[in-house]
Amino acid sequence: WPVLTSHLAWEKRNYDPDGDHLYDAIADLGLDALYYSGGAVTHSSAYNYCGNRLAARIAEIIGEDSEPYRAEAEAILQAMDSRLWMPSKGVWAEYQDAMGLKRLHEHPAVWSIYTPIDCGACTPEQAYLATRYIDEHIPHILVDSRQCPLSTVYSSLKTISTSDW
């Protein structure tokens, strides 16, 4: 429990220094080559939503105060919905710039679609709309299945790109 709580405090201190409940992403999900310049990032915010929800459940089980973790999870979800969810596109922004015009980066990669869904940081409607975004906007790449013994069955196999960038 002390390791979990100190890690969540470290995440908050390092990746949400402005206290807006949206987290930057520097060292998560194997995306170390991406840098969001202190911006509000969908996938890292979803991870912290999930972490705080789980910490609240654990706190209840072991007799600790669950309210700080429950409150942070709810605040993350509200911030994601109000600042990163794009109703007109039916998907979350990849991130919002921290400086300048604070623009939304409106073309999310697939990790910014499946992570909020996997972490439960969405409604069923948001999950559905976001997966439709993948169908409609993420490139689908035809797989050459001629070498496959079942090539007639799988003649139209496709994989998806990680983004449309």
Protein backbone atom coordinates (compact mmCIF):
# COMPACT_ATOMS: atom_id res chain seq x y z
CA TRP A 1 0.00 0.00 0.00
CA PRO A 2 2.76 2.53 0.77
CA VAL A 3 4.40 1.82 -2.61
CA LEU A 4 1.10 2.24 -4.46
CA THR A 5 0.18 5.48 -2.70
CA SER A 6 3.66 6.95 -3.11
CA HIS A 7 3.61 6.07 -6.82
CA LEU A 8 0.25 7.76 -7.36
CA ALA A 9 1.57 10.83 -5.52
CA TRP A 10 4.67 10.77 -7.74
CA GLU A 11 2.50 10.58 -10.89
CA LYS A 12 0.43 13.53 -9.67
CA ARG A 13 3.48 15.60 -8.73
CA ASN A 14 5.39 14.94 -11.95
CA TYR A 15 2.70 14.62 -14.61
CA ASP A 16 -0.07 16.87 -13.31
CA PRO A 17 1.84 19.75 -11.76
CA ASP A 18 -0.87 22.28 -12.65
CA GLY A 19 -3.52 20.22 -10.84
CA ASP A 20 -5.99 20.13 -13.75
CA HIS A 21 -6.39 16.33 -13.38
CA LEU A 22 -5.02 15.67 -16.87
CA TYR A 23 -1.65 13.99 -17.01
CA ASP A 24 1.34 14.41 -19.29
CA ALA A 25 2.95 11.29 -20.75
CA ILE A 26 6.68 10.83 -20.81
CA ALA A 27 7.48 7.30 -19.70
CA ASP A 28 4.49 5.06 -20.21
CA LEU A 29 3.08 2.52 -22.66
CA GLY A 30 6.39 2.17 -24.47
CA LEU A 31 5.92 5.58 -26.06
CA ASP A 32 9.19 7.00 -24.87
CA ALA A 33 9.92 8.46 -28.30
CA LEU A 34 6.86 10.74 -28.02
CA TYR A 35 6.91 13.87 -25.96
CA TYR A 36 3.79 15.88 -25.29
CA SER A 37 5.55 18.94 -23.83
CA GLY A 38 3.61 18.97 -20.59
CA GLY A 39 0.26 18.70 -22.34
CA ALA A 40 -2.92 17.00 -21.20
CA VAL A 41 -2.66 13.48 -22.64
CA THR A 42 -5.56 11.07 -23.09
CA HIS A 43 -3.87 7.72 -22.53
CA SER A 44 -1.83 8.76 -19.47
CA SER A 45 -4.86 10.42 -17.92
CA ALA A 46 -6.82 7.20 -18.46
CA TYR A 47 -4.06 5.18 -16.78
CA ASN A 48 -4.16 7.49 -13.76
CA TYR A 49 -7.95 7.30 -13.67
CA CYS A 50 -7.70 3.53 -13.48
CA GLY A 51 -4.90 3.64 -10.90
CA ASN A 52 -6.88 5.91 -8.62
CA ARG A 53 -10.06 3.85 -8.99
CA LEU A 54 -8.17 0.71 -8.05
CA ALA A 55 -6.46 2.48 -5.14
CA ALA A 56 -9.89 3.53 -3.84
CA ARG A 57 -11.07 -0.09 -3.95
CA ILE A 58 -7.94 -1.33 -2.20
CA ALA A 59 -8.22 1.39 0.44
CA GLU A 60 -11.74 0.25 1.29
CA ILE A 61 -10.60 -3.35 1.62
CA ILE A 62 -7.68 -2.56 3.94
CA GLY A 63 -9.48 0.08 5.99
CA GLU A 64 -7.75 3.17 4.60
CA ASP A 65 -9.40 6.40 3.44
CA SER A 66 -10.60 5.81 -0.14
CA GLU A 67 -12.02 9.28 -0.74
CA PRO A 68 -8.87 11.02 -2.05
CA TYR A 69 -8.43 8.33 -4.72
CA ARG A 70 -12.10 8.23 -5.62
CA ALA A 71 -12.18 12.03 -5.90
CA GLU A 72 -9.07 12.11 -8.11
CA ALA A 73 -10.49 9.42 -10.40
CA GLU A 74 -13.75 11.32 -10.77
CA ALA A 75 -11.91 14.59 -11.42
CA ILE A 76 -9.77 12.90 -14.10
CA LEU A 77 -12.87 11.52 -15.80
CA GLN A 78 -14.60 14.90 -15.75
CA ALA A 79 -11.50 16.62 -17.14
CA MET A 80 -11.15 14.03 -19.90
CA ASP A 81 -14.79 14.47 -20.84
CA SER A 82 -14.73 18.25 -20.80
CA ARG A 83 -11.33 18.90 -22.42
CA LEU A 84 -10.22 15.84 -24.40
CA TRP A 85 -13.45 14.23 -25.65
CA MET A 86 -14.43 15.65 -29.05
CA PRO A 87 -18.19 15.05 -29.45
CA SER A 88 -18.21 16.11 -33.10
CA LYS A 89 -15.57 13.49 -33.93
CA GLY A 90 -16.68 10.86 -31.44
CA VAL A 91 -13.19 10.32 -30.06
CA TRP A 92 -10.66 11.71 -27.60
CA ALA A 93 -7.93 14.09 -28.73
CA GLU A 94 -4.42 12.67 -28.59
CA TYR A 95 -3.58 15.55 -26.27
CA GLN A 96 -4.02 19.25 -25.62
CA ASP A 97 -1.05 21.61 -25.82
CA ALA A 98 0.04 23.04 -22.49
CA MET A 99 1.21 26.35 -23.93
CA GLY A 100 0.29 28.81 -26.62
CA LEU A 101 -3.17 28.35 -28.08
CA LYS A 102 -3.71 25.10 -26.12
CA ARG A 103 -4.85 23.37 -29.28
CA LEU A 104 -6.24 19.86 -29.30
CA HIS A 105 -4.38 17.37 -31.43
CA GLU A 106 -7.46 15.96 -33.11
CA HIS A 107 -6.01 12.82 -34.67
CA PRO A 108 -5.56 10.29 -31.88
CA ALA A 109 -3.38 7.23 -32.22
CA VAL A 110 -5.03 3.91 -31.43
CA TRP A 111 -3.50 3.83 -27.91
CA SER A 112 -5.51 6.96 -27.12
CA ILE A 113 -8.63 5.05 -28.11
CA TYR A 114 -8.14 1.63 -26.54
CA THR A 115 -6.53 2.85 -23.30
CA PRO A 116 -9.55 4.87 -22.05
CA ILE A 117 -11.76 1.94 -23.02
CA ASP A 118 -9.52 -0.62 -21.29
CA CYS A 119 -9.29 1.59 -18.20
CA GLY A 120 -13.05 2.16 -18.00
CA ALA A 121 -12.64 5.91 -18.51
CA CYS A 122 -15.62 6.19 -20.83
CA THR A 123 -19.28 5.53 -21.30
CA PRO A 124 -20.43 2.67 -23.52
CA GLU A 125 -21.43 5.25 -26.13
CA GLN A 126 -17.96 6.82 -26.10
CA ALA A 127 -16.37 3.38 -26.45
CA TYR A 128 -18.57 2.59 -29.44
CA LEU A 129 -17.97 5.94 -31.15
CA ALA A 130 -14.23 5.78 -30.57
CA THR A 131 -13.95 2.32 -32.12
CA ARG A 132 -15.95 3.59 -35.09
CA TYR A 133 -13.29 6.30 -35.42
CA ILE A 134 -10.74 3.51 -35.91
CA ASP A 135 -12.89 1.97 -38.62
CA GLU A 136 -13.35 5.26 -40.42
CA HIS A 137 -10.09 7.18 -39.92
CA ILE A 138 -7.21 4.88 -39.05
CA PRO A 139 -5.52 3.37 -42.14
CA HIS A 140 -6.27 -0.32 -42.70
CA ILE A 141 -3.41 -2.11 -44.44
CA LEU A 142 -4.11 -5.17 -46.56
CA VAL A 143 -2.10 -8.22 -45.51
CA ASP A 144 -0.72 -10.39 -48.30
CA SER A 145 -2.19 -13.76 -47.41
CA ARG A 146 -1.14 -15.66 -50.54
CA GLN A 147 1.35 -17.75 -48.55
CA CYS A 148 -1.30 -18.71 -46.02
CA PRO A 149 -2.77 -22.21 -46.52
CA LEU A 150 -6.18 -20.72 -45.77
CA SER A 151 -5.72 -17.82 -48.19
CA THR A 152 -9.17 -18.24 -49.71
CA VAL A 153 -10.73 -17.91 -46.26
CA TYR A 154 -8.52 -14.99 -45.22
CA SER A 155 -8.12 -13.21 -48.54
CA SER A 156 -9.01 -9.80 -47.13
CA LEU A 157 -6.97 -9.73 -43.93
CA LYS A 158 -6.02 -6.24 -42.79
CA THR A 159 -4.00 -4.76 -39.99
CA ILE A 160 -4.36 -1.21 -38.77
CA SER A 161 -1.80 1.53 -38.55
CA THR A 162 -1.14 2.93 -35.09
CA SER A 163 -2.25 6.37 -36.28
CA ASP A 164 -2.96 8.47 -39.36
CA TRP A 165 0.02 10.69 -38.69
